[in-house]
Amino acid sequence: LDIQTAPQNRLQPVPDDLRAMDFEGLMVASPANPTGTMLDTAAMGA
């Protein structure tokens, strides 16, 4: 399930992107390929 991440979130997923979706797993990458952006402690914890 592709999450269309937003530039204002530096192209990283946030809970509001996912809350309405049904899924059994979430894969995140930090630092990410291809963007090189990262999730901080609060963002990953959420």
PDB file of all heavy atoms in Angstrom:
ATOM      1  N   LEU A   1       0.856  -1.183   0.000  1.00  0.00           N
ATOM      2  CA  LEU A   1       0.000   0.000   0.000  1.00  0.00           C
ATOM      3  C   LEU A   1       0.896   1.238   0.000  1.00  0.00           C
ATOM      4  O   LEU A   1       1.569   1.522   0.992  1.00  0.00           O
ATOM      5  CB  LEU A   1      -0.900   0.024   1.247  1.00  0.00           C
ATOM      6  CG  LEU A   1      -1.911  -1.116   1.409  1.00  0.00           C
ATOM      7  CD1 LEU A   1      -2.673  -0.942   2.715  1.00  0.00           C
ATOM      8  CD2 LEU A   1      -2.880  -1.148   0.230  1.00  0.00           C
ATOM      9  N   ASP A   2       0.934   1.957  -1.111  1.00  0.00           N
ATOM     10  CA  ASP A   2       1.760   3.157  -1.186  1.00  0.00           C
ATOM     11  C   ASP A   2       1.127   4.294  -0.399  1.00  0.00           C
ATOM     12  O   ASP A   2      -0.068   4.576  -0.545  1.00  0.00           O
ATOM     13  CB  ASP A   2       1.936   3.595  -2.640  1.00  0.00           C
ATOM     14  CG  ASP A   2       2.960   2.759  -3.385  1.00  0.00           C
ATOM     15  OD1 ASP A   2       3.851   2.202  -2.724  1.00  0.00           O
ATOM     16  OD2 ASP A   2       2.861   2.659  -4.617  1.00  0.00           O
ATOM     17  N   ILE A   3       1.942   4.928   0.428  1.00  0.00           N
ATOM     18  CA  ILE A   3       1.515   6.130   1.159  1.00  0.00           C
ATOM     19  C   ILE A   3       2.098   7.323   0.417  1.00  0.00           C
ATOM     20  O   ILE A   3       3.318   7.467   0.328  1.00  0.00           O
ATOM     21  CB  ILE A   3       2.059   6.129   2.605  1.00  0.00           C
ATOM     22  CG1 ILE A   3       1.762   4.807   3.305  1.00  0.00           C
ATOM     23  CG2 ILE A   3       1.498   7.301   3.390  1.00  0.00           C
ATOM     24  CD1 ILE A   3       2.683   4.544   4.483  1.00  0.00           C
ATOM     25  N   GLN A   4       1.247   8.169  -0.121  1.00  0.00           N
ATOM     26  CA  GLN A   4       1.733   9.354  -0.828  1.00  0.00           C
ATOM     27  C   GLN A   4       2.134  10.410   0.207  1.00  0.00           C
ATOM     28  O   GLN A   4       1.306  11.149   0.720  1.00  0.00           O
ATOM     29  CB  GLN A   4       0.655   9.876  -1.788  1.00  0.00           C
ATOM     30  CG  GLN A   4       0.398   8.944  -2.957  1.00  0.00           C
ATOM     31  CD  GLN A   4       1.635   8.724  -3.824  1.00  0.00           C
ATOM     32  OE1 GLN A   4       2.319   9.674  -4.205  1.00  0.00           O
ATOM     33  NE2 GLN A   4       1.935   7.470  -4.126  1.00  0.00           N
ATOM     34  N   THR A   5       3.409  10.427   0.532  1.00  0.00           N
ATOM     35  CA  THR A   5       3.914  11.329   1.566  1.00  0.00           C
ATOM     36  C   THR A   5       3.983  12.761   1.048  1.00  0.00           C
ATOM     37  O   THR A   5       4.016  13.003  -0.166  1.00  0.00           O
ATOM     38  CB  THR A   5       5.302  10.881   2.035  1.00  0.00           C
ATOM     39  OG1 THR A   5       6.178  10.860   0.896  1.00  0.00           O
ATOM     40  CG2 THR A   5       5.247   9.487   2.647  1.00  0.00           C
ATOM     41  N   ALA A   6       4.000  13.709   1.976  1.00  0.00           N
ATOM     42  CA  ALA A   6       3.874  15.119   1.612  1.00  0.00           C
ATOM     43  C   ALA A   6       5.204  15.855   1.747  1.00  0.00           C
ATOM     44  O   ALA A   6       5.988  15.566   2.661  1.00  0.00           O
ATOM     45  CB  ALA A   6       2.836  15.798   2.510  1.00  0.00           C
ATOM     46  N   PRO A   7       5.462  16.822   0.860  1.00  0.00           N
ATOM     47  CA  PRO A   7       6.698  17.611   0.973  1.00  0.00           C
ATOM     48  C   PRO A   7       6.840  18.294   2.328  1.00  0.00           C
ATOM     49  O   PRO A   7       7.949  18.401   2.859  1.00  0.00           O
ATOM     50  CB  PRO A   7       6.555  18.628  -0.168  1.00  0.00           C
ATOM     51  CG  PRO A   7       5.676  17.947  -1.162  1.00  0.00           C
ATOM     52  CD  PRO A   7       4.701  17.148  -0.354  1.00  0.00           C
ATOM     53  N   GLN A   8       5.713  18.755   2.904  1.00  0.00           N
ATOM     54  CA  GLN A   8       5.812  19.440   4.196  1.00  0.00           C
ATOM     55  C   GLN A   8       6.238  18.499   5.318  1.00  0.00           C
ATOM     56  O   GLN A   8       6.699  18.941   6.373  1.00  0.00           O
ATOM     57  CB  GLN A   8       4.493  20.125   4.564  1.00  0.00           C
ATOM     58  CG  GLN A   8       3.295  19.209   4.700  1.00  0.00           C
ATOM     59  CD  GLN A   8       2.485  19.098   3.427  1.00  0.00           C
ATOM     60  OE1 GLN A   8       3.038  19.190   2.322  1.00  0.00           O
ATOM     61  NE2 GLN A   8       1.173  18.938   3.568  1.00  0.00           N
ATOM     62  N   ASN A   9       6.120  17.179   5.091  1.00  0.00           N
ATOM     63  CA  ASN A   9       6.613  16.187   6.044  1.00  0.00           C
ATOM     64  C   ASN A   9       7.942  15.584   5.588  1.00  0.00           C
ATOM     65  O   ASN A   9       8.345  14.536   6.066  1.00  0.00           O
ATOM     66  CB  ASN A   9       5.581  15.072   6.226  1.00  0.00           C
ATOM     67  CG  ASN A   9       4.282  15.576   6.823  1.00  0.00           C
ATOM     68  OD1 ASN A   9       4.283  16.446   7.691  1.00  0.00           O
ATOM     69  ND2 ASN A   9       3.165  15.061   6.331  1.00  0.00           N
ATOM     70  N   ARG A  10       8.603  16.302   4.669  1.00  0.00           N
ATOM     71  CA  ARG A  10       9.896  15.892   4.130  1.00  0.00           C
ATOM     72  C   ARG A  10       9.829  14.487   3.542  1.00  0.00           C
ATOM     73  O   ARG A  10      10.739  13.700   3.623  1.00  0.00           O
ATOM     74  CB  ARG A  10      11.006  16.022   5.175  1.00  0.00           C
ATOM     75  CG  ARG A  10      11.052  17.429   5.787  1.00  0.00           C
ATOM     76  CD  ARG A  10      12.263  17.691   6.651  1.00  0.00           C
ATOM     77  NE  ARG A  10      13.437  17.993   5.837  1.00  0.00           N
ATOM     78  CZ  ARG A  10      14.519  17.220   5.771  1.00  0.00           C
ATOM     79  NH1 ARG A  10      14.569  16.108   6.469  1.00  0.00           N
ATOM     80  NH2 ARG A  10      15.549  17.576   5.021  1.00  0.00           N
ATOM     81  N   LEU A  11       8.659  14.187   2.936  1.00  0.00           N
ATOM     82  CA  LEU A  11       8.417  12.931   2.235  1.00  0.00           C
ATOM     83  C   LEU A  11       8.602  11.705   3.131  1.00  0.00           C
ATOM     84  O   LEU A  11       9.018  10.636   2.685  1.00  0.00           O
ATOM     85  CB  LEU A  11       9.297  12.834   0.974  1.00  0.00           C
ATOM     86  CG  LEU A  11       9.048  13.933  -0.073  1.00  0.00           C
ATOM     87  CD1 LEU A  11      10.012  13.781  -1.236  1.00  0.00           C
ATOM     88  CD2 LEU A  11       7.602  13.925  -0.570  1.00  0.00           C
ATOM     89  N   GLN A  12       8.249  11.874   4.406  1.00  0.00           N
ATOM     90  CA  GLN A  12       8.173  10.763   5.351  1.00  0.00           C
ATOM     91  C   GLN A  12       6.709  10.569   5.762  1.00  0.00           C
ATOM     92  O   GLN A  12       5.938  11.534   5.830  1.00  0.00           O
ATOM     93  CB  GLN A  12       9.010  11.050   6.607  1.00  0.00           C
ATOM     94  CG  GLN A  12      10.509  10.934   6.416  1.00  0.00           C
ATOM     95  CD  GLN A  12      10.987   9.480   6.435  1.00  0.00           C
ATOM     96  OE1 GLN A  12      10.201   8.538   6.547  1.00  0.00           O
ATOM     97  NE2 GLN A  12      12.303   9.289   6.311  1.00  0.00           N
ATOM     98  N   PRO A  13       6.274   9.337   6.019  1.00  0.00           N
ATOM     99  CA  PRO A  13       4.884   9.124   6.445  1.00  0.00           C
ATOM    100  C   PRO A  13       4.624   9.675   7.835  1.00  0.00           C
ATOM    101  O   PRO A  13       5.519   9.699   8.693  1.00  0.00           O
ATOM    102  CB  PRO A  13       4.741   7.599   6.424  1.00  0.00           C
ATOM    103  CG  PRO A  13       6.129   7.080   6.594  1.00  0.00           C
ATOM    104  CD  PRO A  13       7.035   8.076   5.926  1.00  0.00           C
ATOM    105  N   VAL A  14       3.400  10.104   8.058  1.00  0.00           N
ATOM    106  CA  VAL A  14       2.937  10.550   9.376  1.00  0.00           C
ATOM    107  C   VAL A  14       1.622   9.827   9.662  1.00  0.00           C
ATOM    108  O   VAL A  14       0.947   9.342   8.747  1.00  0.00           O
ATOM    109  CB  VAL A  14       2.744  12.084   9.427  1.00  0.00           C
ATOM    110  CG1 VAL A  14       4.065  12.805   9.182  1.00  0.00           C
ATOM    111  CG2 VAL A  14       1.696  12.549   8.424  1.00  0.00           C
ATOM    112  N   PRO A  15       1.215   9.744  10.939  1.00  0.00           N
ATOM    113  CA  PRO A  15       0.006   8.983  11.267  1.00  0.00           C
ATOM    114  C   PRO A  15      -1.233   9.404  10.491  1.00  0.00           C
ATOM    115  O   PRO A  15      -2.049   8.547  10.123  1.00  0.00           O
ATOM    116  CB  PRO A  15      -0.148   9.233  12.775  1.00  0.00           C
ATOM    117  CG  PRO A  15       1.262   9.378  13.262  1.00  0.00           C
ATOM    118  CD  PRO A  15       1.952  10.143  12.164  1.00  0.00           C
ATOM    119  N   ASP A  16      -1.395  10.693  10.212  1.00  0.00           N
ATOM    120  CA  ASP A  16      -2.589  11.136   9.481  1.00  0.00           C
ATOM    121  C   ASP A  16      -2.649  10.554   8.073  1.00  0.00           C
ATOM    122  O   ASP A  16      -3.736  10.423   7.497  1.00  0.00           O
ATOM    123  CB  ASP A  16      -2.640  12.667   9.415  1.00  0.00           C
ATOM    124  CG  ASP A  16      -3.052  13.292  10.739  1.00  0.00           C
ATOM    125  OD1 ASP A  16      -3.521  12.545  11.625  1.00  0.00           O
ATOM    126  OD2 ASP A  16      -2.888  14.522  10.893  1.00  0.00           O
ATOM    127  N   ASP A  17      -1.499  10.189   7.498  1.00  0.00           N
ATOM    128  CA  ASP A  17      -1.490   9.549   6.180  1.00  0.00           C
ATOM    129  C   ASP A  17      -2.062   8.142   6.233  1.00  0.00           C
ATOM    130  O   ASP A  17      -2.491   7.587   5.215  1.00  0.00           O
ATOM    131  CB  ASP A  17      -0.056   9.449   5.633  1.00  0.00           C
ATOM    132  CG  ASP A  17       0.598  10.791   5.385  1.00  0.00           C
ATOM    133  OD1 ASP A  17      -0.118  11.769   5.096  1.00  0.00           O
ATOM    134  OD2 ASP A  17       1.845  10.858   5.477  1.00  0.00           O
ATOM    135  N   LEU A  18      -2.055   7.546   7.437  1.00  0.00           N
ATOM    136  CA  LEU A  18      -2.313   6.116   7.583  1.00  0.00           C
ATOM    137  C   LEU A  18      -3.568   5.767   8.361  1.00  0.00           C
ATOM    138  O   LEU A  18      -4.052   4.635   8.277  1.00  0.00           O
ATOM    139  CB  LEU A  18      -1.119   5.478   8.315  1.00  0.00           C
ATOM    140  CG  LEU A  18       0.202   5.442   7.571  1.00  0.00           C
ATOM    141  CD1 LEU A  18       1.367   5.464   8.539  1.00  0.00           C
ATOM    142  CD2 LEU A  18       0.268   4.200   6.718  1.00  0.00           C
ATOM    143  N   ARG A  19      -4.095   6.742   9.103  1.00  0.00           N
ATOM    144  CA  ARG A  19      -5.128   6.421  10.084  1.00  0.00           C
ATOM    145  C   ARG A  19      -6.359   5.766   9.465  1.00  0.00           C
ATOM    146  O   ARG A  19      -6.969   4.866  10.041  1.00  0.00           O
ATOM    147  CB  ARG A  19      -5.529   7.690  10.846  1.00  0.00           C
ATOM    148  CG  ARG A  19      -5.870   7.427  12.308  1.00  0.00           C
ATOM    149  CD  ARG A  19      -6.093   8.723  13.063  1.00  0.00           C
ATOM    150  NE  ARG A  19      -4.912   9.533  13.161  1.00  0.00           N
ATOM    151  CZ  ARG A  19      -3.946   9.337  14.055  1.00  0.00           C
ATOM    152  NH1 ARG A  19      -4.040   8.312  14.903  1.00  0.00           N
ATOM    153  NH2 ARG A  19      -2.903  10.133  14.098  1.00  0.00           N
ATOM    154  N   ALA A  20      -6.728   6.200   8.264  1.00  0.00           N
ATOM    155  CA  ALA A  20      -7.934   5.668   7.622  1.00  0.00           C
ATOM    156  C   ALA A  20      -7.675   4.387   6.833  1.00  0.00           C
ATOM    157  O   ALA A  20      -8.610   3.792   6.284  1.00  0.00           O
ATOM    158  CB  ALA A  20      -8.549   6.721   6.703  1.00  0.00           C
ATOM    159  N   MET A  21      -6.430   3.945   6.766  1.00  0.00           N
ATOM    160  CA  MET A  21      -6.069   2.759   5.980  1.00  0.00           C
ATOM    161  C   MET A  21      -6.144   1.499   6.834  1.00  0.00           C
ATOM    162  O   MET A  21      -5.912   1.542   8.042  1.00  0.00           O
ATOM    163  CB  MET A  21      -4.656   2.903   5.411  1.00  0.00           C
ATOM    164  CG  MET A  21      -4.458   4.081   4.483  1.00  0.00           C
ATOM    165  SD  MET A  21      -2.701   4.340   4.018  1.00  0.00           S
ATOM    166  CE  MET A  21      -2.377   2.841   3.083  1.00  0.00           C
ATOM    167  N   ASP A  22      -6.478   0.396   6.190  1.00  0.00           N
ATOM    168  CA  ASP A  22      -6.409  -0.906   6.838  1.00  0.00           C
ATOM    169  C   ASP A  22      -5.138  -1.603   6.369  1.00  0.00           C
ATOM    170  O   ASP A  22      -4.913  -1.757   5.165  1.00  0.00           O
ATOM    171  CB  ASP A  22      -7.629  -1.761   6.471  1.00  0.00           C
ATOM    172  CG  ASP A  22      -8.919  -1.214   7.069  1.00  0.00           C
ATOM    173  OD1 ASP A  22      -8.872  -0.715   8.211  1.00  0.00           O
ATOM    174  OD2 ASP A  22      -9.957  -1.279   6.383  1.00  0.00           O
ATOM    175  N   PHE A  23      -4.295  -2.007   7.307  1.00  0.00           N
ATOM    176  CA  PHE A  23      -3.051  -2.680   6.938  1.00  0.00           C
ATOM    177  C   PHE A  23      -2.583  -3.558   8.087  1.00  0.00           C
ATOM    178  O   PHE A  23      -2.948  -3.343   9.248  1.00  0.00           O
ATOM    179  CB  PHE A  23      -1.964  -1.662   6.556  1.00  0.00           C
ATOM    180  CG  PHE A  23      -1.678  -0.617   7.600  1.00  0.00           C
ATOM    181  CD1 PHE A  23      -0.734  -0.846   8.593  1.00  0.00           C
ATOM    182  CD2 PHE A  23      -2.338   0.602   7.600  1.00  0.00           C
ATOM    183  CE1 PHE A  23      -0.453   0.109   9.563  1.00  0.00           C
ATOM    184  CE2 PHE A  23      -2.069   1.568   8.565  1.00  0.00           C
ATOM    185  CZ  PHE A  23      -1.129   1.324   9.543  1.00  0.00           C
ATOM    186  N   GLU A  24      -1.779  -4.552   7.739  1.00  0.00           N
ATOM    187  CA  GLU A  24      -1.230  -5.476   8.731  1.00  0.00           C
ATOM    188  C   GLU A  24       0.218  -5.166   9.074  1.00  0.00           C
ATOM    189  O   GLU A  24       0.769  -5.757  10.007  1.00  0.00           O
ATOM    190  CB  GLU A  24      -1.331  -6.912   8.220  1.00  0.00           C
ATOM    191  CG  GLU A  24      -2.731  -7.514   8.305  1.00  0.00           C
ATOM    192  CD  GLU A  24      -3.702  -6.924   7.280  1.00  0.00           C
ATOM    193  OE1 GLU A  24      -3.307  -6.709   6.115  1.00  0.00           O
ATOM    194  OE2 GLU A  24      -4.864  -6.671   7.667  1.00  0.00           O
ATOM    195  N   GLY A  25       0.847  -4.260   8.325  1.00  0.00           N
ATOM    196  CA  GLY A  25       2.231  -3.919   8.598  1.00  0.00           C
ATOM    197  C   GLY A  25       2.586  -2.568   8.018  1.00  0.00           C
ATOM    198  O   GLY A  25       1.949  -2.089   7.074  1.00  0.00           O
ATOM    199  N   LEU A  26       3.592  -1.948   8.604  1.00  0.00           N
ATOM    200  CA  LEU A  26       4.126  -0.679   8.110  1.00  0.00           C
ATOM    201  C   LEU A  26       5.640  -0.795   8.036  1.00  0.00           C
ATOM    202  O   LEU A  26       6.289  -1.192   9.008  1.00  0.00           O
ATOM    203  CB  LEU A  26       3.737   0.476   9.039  1.00  0.00           C
ATOM    204  CG  LEU A  26       4.439   1.823   8.784  1.00  0.00           C
ATOM    205  CD1 LEU A  26       4.070   2.386   7.415  1.00  0.00           C
ATOM    206  CD2 LEU A  26       4.102   2.823   9.889  1.00  0.00           C
ATOM    207  N   MET A  27       6.196  -0.448   6.885  1.00  0.00           N
ATOM    208  CA  MET A  27       7.642  -0.386   6.681  1.00  0.00           C
ATOM    209  C   MET A  27       8.049   1.071   6.564  1.00  0.00           C
ATOM    210  O   MET A  27       7.499   1.816   5.748  1.00  0.00           O
ATOM    211  CB  MET A  27       8.028  -1.145   5.415  1.00  0.00           C
ATOM    212  CG  MET A  27       9.394  -0.826   4.843  1.00  0.00           C
ATOM    213  SD  MET A  27      10.758  -1.606   5.711  1.00  0.00           S
ATOM    214  CE  MET A  27      10.653  -3.266   5.050  1.00  0.00           C
ATOM    215  N   VAL A  28       9.003   1.509   7.390  1.00  0.00           N
ATOM    216  CA  VAL A  28       9.545   2.860   7.278  1.00  0.00           C
ATOM    217  C   VAL A  28      11.046   2.771   7.046  1.00  0.00           C
ATOM    218  O   VAL A  28      11.675   1.747   7.323  1.00  0.00           O
ATOM    219  CB  VAL A  28       9.259   3.712   8.534  1.00  0.00           C
ATOM    220  CG1 VAL A  28       7.767   3.822   8.800  1.00  0.00           C
ATOM    221  CG2 VAL A  28       9.992   3.169   9.752  1.00  0.00           C
ATOM    222  N   ALA A  29      11.612   3.840   6.511  1.00  0.00           N
ATOM    223  CA  ALA A  29      13.057   3.903   6.267  1.00  0.00           C
ATOM    224  C   ALA A  29      13.573   5.255   6.707  1.00  0.00           C
ATOM    225  O   ALA A  29      13.039   6.295   6.299  1.00  0.00           O
ATOM    226  CB  ALA A  29      13.370   3.691   4.789  1.00  0.00           C
ATOM    227  N   SER A  30      14.607   5.245   7.536  1.00  0.00           N
ATOM    228  CA  SER A  30      15.164   6.491   8.050  1.00  0.00           C
ATOM    229  C   SER A  30      16.631   6.262   8.420  1.00  0.00           C
ATOM    230  O   SER A  30      16.909   5.475   9.329  1.00  0.00           O
ATOM    231  CB  SER A  30      14.377   6.939   9.285  1.00  0.00           C
ATOM    232  OG  SER A  30      14.965   8.059   9.910  1.00  0.00           O
ATOM    233  N   PRO A  31      17.565   6.909   7.697  1.00  0.00           N
ATOM    234  CA  PRO A  31      17.405   7.763   6.517  1.00  0.00           C
ATOM    235  C   PRO A  31      16.794   6.976   5.353  1.00  0.00           C
ATOM    236  O   PRO A  31      17.009   5.779   5.223  1.00  0.00           O
ATOM    237  CB  PRO A  31      18.830   8.194   6.175  1.00  0.00           C
ATOM    238  CG  PRO A  31      19.628   7.999   7.436  1.00  0.00           C
ATOM    239  CD  PRO A  31      18.994   6.816   8.103  1.00  0.00           C
ATOM    240  N   ALA A  32      16.049   7.702   4.526  1.00  0.00           N
ATOM    241  CA  ALA A  32      15.280   7.059   3.476  1.00  0.00           C
ATOM    242  C   ALA A  32      16.006   7.101   2.146  1.00  0.00           C
ATOM    243  O   ALA A  32      16.791   8.000   1.868  1.00  0.00           O
ATOM    244  CB  ALA A  32      13.918   7.750   3.341  1.00  0.00           C
ATOM    245  N   ASN A  33      15.723   6.116   1.345  1.00  0.00           N
ATOM    246  CA  ASN A  33      16.094   6.099  -0.063  1.00  0.00           C
ATOM    247  C   ASN A  33      14.785   6.268  -0.841  1.00  0.00           C
ATOM    248  O   ASN A  33      13.870   5.472  -0.650  1.00  0.00           O
ATOM    249  CB  ASN A  33      16.737   4.752  -0.402  1.00  0.00           C
ATOM    250  CG  ASN A  33      17.068   4.585  -1.876  1.00  0.00           C
ATOM    251  OD1 ASN A  33      17.012   5.519  -2.648  1.00  0.00           O
ATOM    252  ND2 ASN A  33      17.403   3.365  -2.260  1.00  0.00           N
ATOM    253  N   PRO A  34      14.626   7.332  -1.641  1.00  0.00           N
ATOM    254  CA  PRO A  34      15.650   8.147  -2.290  1.00  0.00           C
ATOM    255  C   PRO A  34      15.888   9.522  -1.686  1.00  0.00           C
ATOM    256  O   PRO A  34      16.706  10.277  -2.209  1.00  0.00           O
ATOM    257  CB  PRO A  34      15.046   8.333  -3.690  1.00  0.00           C
ATOM    258  CG  PRO A  34      13.566   8.470  -3.415  1.00  0.00           C
ATOM    259  CD  PRO A  34      13.295   7.516  -2.292  1.00  0.00           C
ATOM    260  N   THR A  35      15.211   9.888  -0.609  1.00  0.00           N
ATOM    261  CA  THR A  35      15.203  11.290  -0.175  1.00  0.00           C
ATOM    262  C   THR A  35      16.317  11.655   0.784  1.00  0.00           C
ATOM    263  O   THR A  35      16.700  12.819   0.882  1.00  0.00           O
ATOM    264  CB  THR A  35      13.865  11.622   0.518  1.00  0.00           C
ATOM    265  OG1 THR A  35      13.743  10.802   1.699  1.00  0.00           O
ATOM    266  CG2 THR A  35      12.692  11.353  -0.421  1.00  0.00           C
ATOM    267  N   GLY A  36      16.821  10.671   1.553  1.00  0.00           N
ATOM    268  CA  GLY A  36      17.802  10.976   2.587  1.00  0.00           C
ATOM    269  C   GLY A  36      17.220  11.620   3.825  1.00  0.00           C
ATOM    270  O   GLY A  36      17.966  11.975   4.740  1.00  0.00           O
ATOM    271  N   THR A  37      15.882  11.767   3.900  1.00  0.00           N
ATOM    272  CA  THR A  37      15.278  12.386   5.081  1.00  0.00           C
ATOM    273  C   THR A  37      15.104  11.356   6.197  1.00  0.00           C
ATOM    274  O   THR A  37      15.078  10.141   5.944  1.00  0.00           O
ATOM    275  CB  THR A  37      13.924  13.027   4.744  1.00  0.00           C
ATOM    276  OG1 THR A  37      13.018  12.020   4.270  1.00  0.00           O
ATOM    277  CG2 THR A  37      14.091  14.110   3.693  1.00  0.00           C
ATOM    278  N   MET A  38      14.963  11.862   7.441  1.00  0.00           N
ATOM    279  CA  MET A  38      14.914  10.980   8.602  1.00  0.00           C
ATOM    280  C   MET A  38      13.692  11.268   9.461  1.00  0.00           C
ATOM    281  O   MET A  38      13.121  12.363   9.425  1.00  0.00           O
ATOM    282  CB  MET A  38      16.173  11.155   9.465  1.00  0.00           C
ATOM    283  CG  MET A  38      17.453  10.787   8.765  1.00  0.00           C
ATOM    284  SD  MET A  38      18.900  10.540   9.847  1.00  0.00           S
ATOM    285  CE  MET A  38      18.917  12.021  10.856  1.00  0.00           C
ATOM    286  N   LEU A  39      13.306  10.263  10.241  1.00  0.00           N
ATOM    287  CA  LEU A  39      12.291  10.390  11.280  1.00  0.00           C
ATOM    288  C   LEU A  39      12.983  10.664  12.609  1.00  0.00           C
ATOM    289  O   LEU A  39      13.905   9.940  12.986  1.00  0.00           O
ATOM    290  CB  LEU A  39      11.480   9.099  11.403  1.00  0.00           C
ATOM    291  CG  LEU A  39      10.629   8.698  10.205  1.00  0.00           C
ATOM    292  CD1 LEU A  39      10.222   7.231  10.321  1.00  0.00           C
ATOM    293  CD2 LEU A  39       9.400   9.588  10.104  1.00  0.00           C
ATOM    294  N   ASP A  40      12.547  11.718  13.317  1.00  0.00           N
ATOM    295  CA  ASP A  40      13.096  11.934  14.655  1.00  0.00           C
ATOM    296  C   ASP A  40      12.348  11.052  15.656  1.00  0.00           C
ATOM    297  O   ASP A  40      11.443  10.290  15.300  1.00  0.00           O
ATOM    298  CB  ASP A  40      13.059  13.415  15.041  1.00  0.00           C
ATOM    299  CG  ASP A  40      11.652  14.002  15.112  1.00  0.00           C
ATOM    300  OD1 ASP A  40      10.667  13.236  15.200  1.00  0.00           O
ATOM    301  OD2 ASP A  40      11.542  15.248  15.071  1.00  0.00           O
ATOM    302  N   THR A  41      12.717  11.153  16.925  1.00  0.00           N
ATOM    303  CA  THR A  41      12.146  10.269  17.937  1.00  0.00           C
ATOM    304  C   THR A  41      10.636  10.402  18.014  1.00  0.00           C
ATOM    305  O   THR A  41       9.909   9.390  18.057  1.00  0.00           O
ATOM    306  CB  THR A  41      12.777  10.567  19.314  1.00  0.00           C
ATOM    307  OG1 THR A  41      14.195  10.394  19.239  1.00  0.00           O
ATOM    308  CG2 THR A  41      12.215   9.641  20.382  1.00  0.00           C
ATOM    309  N   ALA A  42      10.126  11.631  18.006  1.00  0.00           N
ATOM    310  CA  ALA A  42       8.684  11.842  18.116  1.00  0.00           C
ATOM    311  C   ALA A  42       7.953  11.285  16.903  1.00  0.00           C
ATOM    312  O   ALA A  42       6.896  10.646  17.032  1.00  0.00           O
ATOM    313  CB  ALA A  42       8.386  13.333  18.289  1.00  0.00           C
ATOM    314  N   ALA A  43       8.500  11.523  15.714  1.00  0.00           N
ATOM    315  CA  ALA A  43       7.832  11.072  14.492  1.00  0.00           C
ATOM    316  C   ALA A  43       7.805   9.543  14.419  1.00  0.00           C
ATOM    317  O   ALA A  43       6.775   8.946  14.072  1.00  0.00           O
ATOM    318  CB  ALA A  43       8.541  11.649  13.269  1.00  0.00           C
ATOM    319  N   MET A  44       8.924   8.900  14.753  1.00  0.00           N
ATOM    320  CA  MET A  44       8.940   7.437  14.729  1.00  0.00           C
ATOM    321  C   MET A  44       8.031   6.879  15.819  1.00  0.00           C
ATOM    322  O   MET A  44       7.295   5.909  15.597  1.00  0.00           O
ATOM    323  CB  MET A  44      10.355   6.904  14.886  1.00  0.00           C
ATOM    324  CG  MET A  44      10.428   5.383  14.767  1.00  0.00           C
ATOM    325  SD  MET A  44      12.104   4.714  14.718  1.00  0.00           S
ATOM    326  CE  MET A  44      12.614   5.170  13.069  1.00  0.00           C
ATOM    327  N   GLY A  45       8.072   7.483  16.982  1.00  0.00           N
ATOM    328  CA  GLY A  45       7.221   7.023  18.085  1.00  0.00           C
ATOM    329  C   GLY A  45       5.750   7.101  17.748  1.00  0.00           C
ATOM    330  O   GLY A  45       4.964   6.204  18.108  1.00  0.00           O
ATOM    331  N   ALA A  46       5.342   8.142  17.033  1.00  0.00           N
ATOM    332  CA  ALA A  46       3.933   8.281  16.649  1.00  0.00           C
ATOM    333  C   ALA A  46       3.505   7.173  15.701  1.00  0.00           C
ATOM    334  O   ALA A  46       2.388   6.643  15.793  1.00  0.00           O
ATOM    335  CB  ALA A  46       3.707   9.647  16.008  1.00  0.00           C
TER     336      ALA A  46
END
